[in-house]
Amino acid sequence: MNGQELTVRIRQWLRQDYRCCGIIRSGLPIAYALYRNDGDCFYLRQLFTARAYRNQGLASELLRYFKVKVL
């Protein structure tokens, strides 16, 4: 999928039951987690970090945030 197709796909998920938390640097989203609450559990659909920012602990940071603020 190209960038435009991915944007449309994620917007559809967000219009449904999904929420997103992310990390923004210099005005650009560099990592995000897409999830939903199913009532008795949480479903983590995507965990993404931009290639240039990988191996810096950002996904771990998002998971910690998710555990503290969402769960």
C-alpha atoms as a PDB file:
ATOM      1  CA  MET A   1       0.000   0.000   0.000  1.00  0.00           C
ATOM      2  CA  ASN A   2       1.153   3.520  -0.665  1.00  0.00           C
ATOM      3  CA  GLY A   3       1.018   6.349   1.877  1.00  0.00           C
ATOM      4  CA  GLN A   4      -2.355   7.638   0.744  1.00  0.00           C
ATOM      5  CA  GLU A   5      -3.933   4.174   0.950  1.00  0.00           C
ATOM      6  CA  LEU A   6      -2.508   3.658   4.429  1.00  0.00           C
ATOM      7  CA  THR A   7      -3.878   7.025   5.542  1.00  0.00           C
ATOM      8  CA  VAL A   8      -7.367   6.113   4.336  1.00  0.00           C
ATOM      9  CA  ARG A   9      -7.144   2.721   6.072  1.00  0.00           C
ATOM     10  CA  ILE A  10      -6.089   4.167   9.427  1.00  0.00           C
ATOM     11  CA  ARG A  11      -8.754   6.903   9.259  1.00  0.00           C
ATOM     12  CA  GLN A  12     -11.382   4.190   8.776  1.00  0.00           C
ATOM     13  CA  TRP A  13     -10.148   2.386  11.895  1.00  0.00           C
ATOM     14  CA  LEU A  14     -10.199   5.636  13.880  1.00  0.00           C
ATOM     15  CA  ARG A  15     -13.797   6.306  12.798  1.00  0.00           C
ATOM     16  CA  GLN A  16     -14.706   2.935  14.264  1.00  0.00           C
ATOM     17  CA  ASP A  17     -13.617   1.925  17.763  1.00  0.00           C
ATOM     18  CA  TYR A  18      -9.857   2.481  17.525  1.00  0.00           C
ATOM     19  CA  ARG A  19      -7.828   5.120  19.344  1.00  0.00           C
ATOM     20  CA  CYS A  20      -4.257   6.205  18.813  1.00  0.00           C
ATOM     21  CA  CYS A  21      -1.433   7.381  21.049  1.00  0.00           C
ATOM     22  CA  GLY A  22       1.803   8.537  19.545  1.00  0.00           C
ATOM     23  CA  ILE A  23       5.118  10.339  19.767  1.00  0.00           C
ATOM     24  CA  ILE A  24       5.652  13.546  17.784  1.00  0.00           C
ATOM     25  CA  ARG A  25       9.026  15.208  17.243  1.00  0.00           C
ATOM     26  CA  SER A  26       9.487  18.492  15.387  1.00  0.00           C
ATOM     27  CA  GLY A  27       5.821  18.362  14.398  1.00  0.00           C
ATOM     28  CA  LEU A  28       6.105  14.932  12.761  1.00  0.00           C
ATOM     29  CA  PRO A  29       4.573  11.686  14.055  1.00  0.00           C
ATOM     30  CA  ILE A  30       7.460   9.246  14.489  1.00  0.00           C
ATOM     31  CA  ALA A  31       5.795   6.423  16.438  1.00  0.00           C
ATOM     32  CA  TYR A  32       2.255   5.354  17.284  1.00  0.00           C
ATOM     33  CA  ALA A  33       0.109   2.630  18.805  1.00  0.00           C
ATOM     34  CA  LEU A  34      -3.372   1.948  17.438  1.00  0.00           C
ATOM     35  CA  TYR A  35      -5.697   0.140  19.852  1.00  0.00           C
ATOM     36  CA  ARG A  36      -9.305  -0.465  20.912  1.00  0.00           C
ATOM     37  CA  ASN A  37     -11.101  -1.391  24.100  1.00  0.00           C
ATOM     38  CA  ASP A  38     -13.177  -4.555  23.675  1.00  0.00           C
ATOM     39  CA  GLY A  39     -14.679  -4.261  27.152  1.00  0.00           C
ATOM     40  CA  ASP A  40     -12.951  -7.188  28.793  1.00  0.00           C
ATOM     41  CA  CYS A  41      -9.617  -6.671  26.995  1.00  0.00           C
ATOM     42  CA  PHE A  42      -7.607  -4.226  24.914  1.00  0.00           C
ATOM     43  CA  TYR A  43      -6.583  -5.027  21.350  1.00  0.00           C
ATOM     44  CA  LEU A  44      -3.328  -3.496  20.100  1.00  0.00           C
ATOM     45  CA  ARG A  45      -3.710  -3.391  16.328  1.00  0.00           C
ATOM     46  CA  GLN A  46      -0.494  -1.626  15.336  1.00  0.00           C
ATOM     47  CA  LEU A  47       2.707  -0.498  16.962  1.00  0.00           C
ATOM     48  CA  PHE A  48       4.872   1.494  14.566  1.00  0.00           C
ATOM     49  CA  THR A  49       8.105   3.467  14.700  1.00  0.00           C
ATOM     50  CA  ALA A  50       9.471   5.348  11.673  1.00  0.00           C
ATOM     51  CA  ARG A  51      12.600   3.682  10.328  1.00  0.00           C
ATOM     52  CA  ALA A  52      14.931   6.587  11.133  1.00  0.00           C
ATOM     53  CA  TYR A  53      13.858   6.456  14.809  1.00  0.00           C
ATOM     54  CA  ARG A  54      13.983   2.716  15.436  1.00  0.00           C
ATOM     55  CA  ASN A  55      16.189   1.126  18.122  1.00  0.00           C
ATOM     56  CA  GLN A  56      15.771   4.164  20.372  1.00  0.00           C
ATOM     57  CA  GLY A  57      13.225   2.646  22.758  1.00  0.00           C
ATOM     58  CA  LEU A  58      10.228   4.542  21.361  1.00  0.00           C
ATOM     59  CA  ALA A  59       7.992   1.470  21.001  1.00  0.00           C
ATOM     60  CA  SER A  60       8.842   0.524  24.590  1.00  0.00           C
ATOM     61  CA  GLU A  61       7.967   4.072  25.651  1.00  0.00           C
ATOM     62  CA  LEU A  62       4.598   3.791  23.924  1.00  0.00           C
ATOM     63  CA  LEU A  63       3.898   0.445  25.574  1.00  0.00           C
ATOM     64  CA  ARG A  64       4.731   1.902  29.000  1.00  0.00           C
ATOM     65  CA  TYR A  65       2.393   4.844  28.318  1.00  0.00           C
ATOM     66  CA  PHE A  66      -0.279   2.428  27.133  1.00  0.00           C
ATOM     67  CA  LYS A  67       0.009   0.349  30.325  1.00  0.00           C
ATOM     68  CA  VAL A  68      -0.117   3.369  32.633  1.00  0.00           C
ATOM     69  CA  LYS A  69      -2.624   5.661  30.904  1.00  0.00           C
ATOM     70  CA  VAL A  70      -4.887   3.307  28.953  1.00  0.00           C
ATOM     71  CA  LEU A  71      -5.072   0.123  30.990  1.00  0.00           C
END
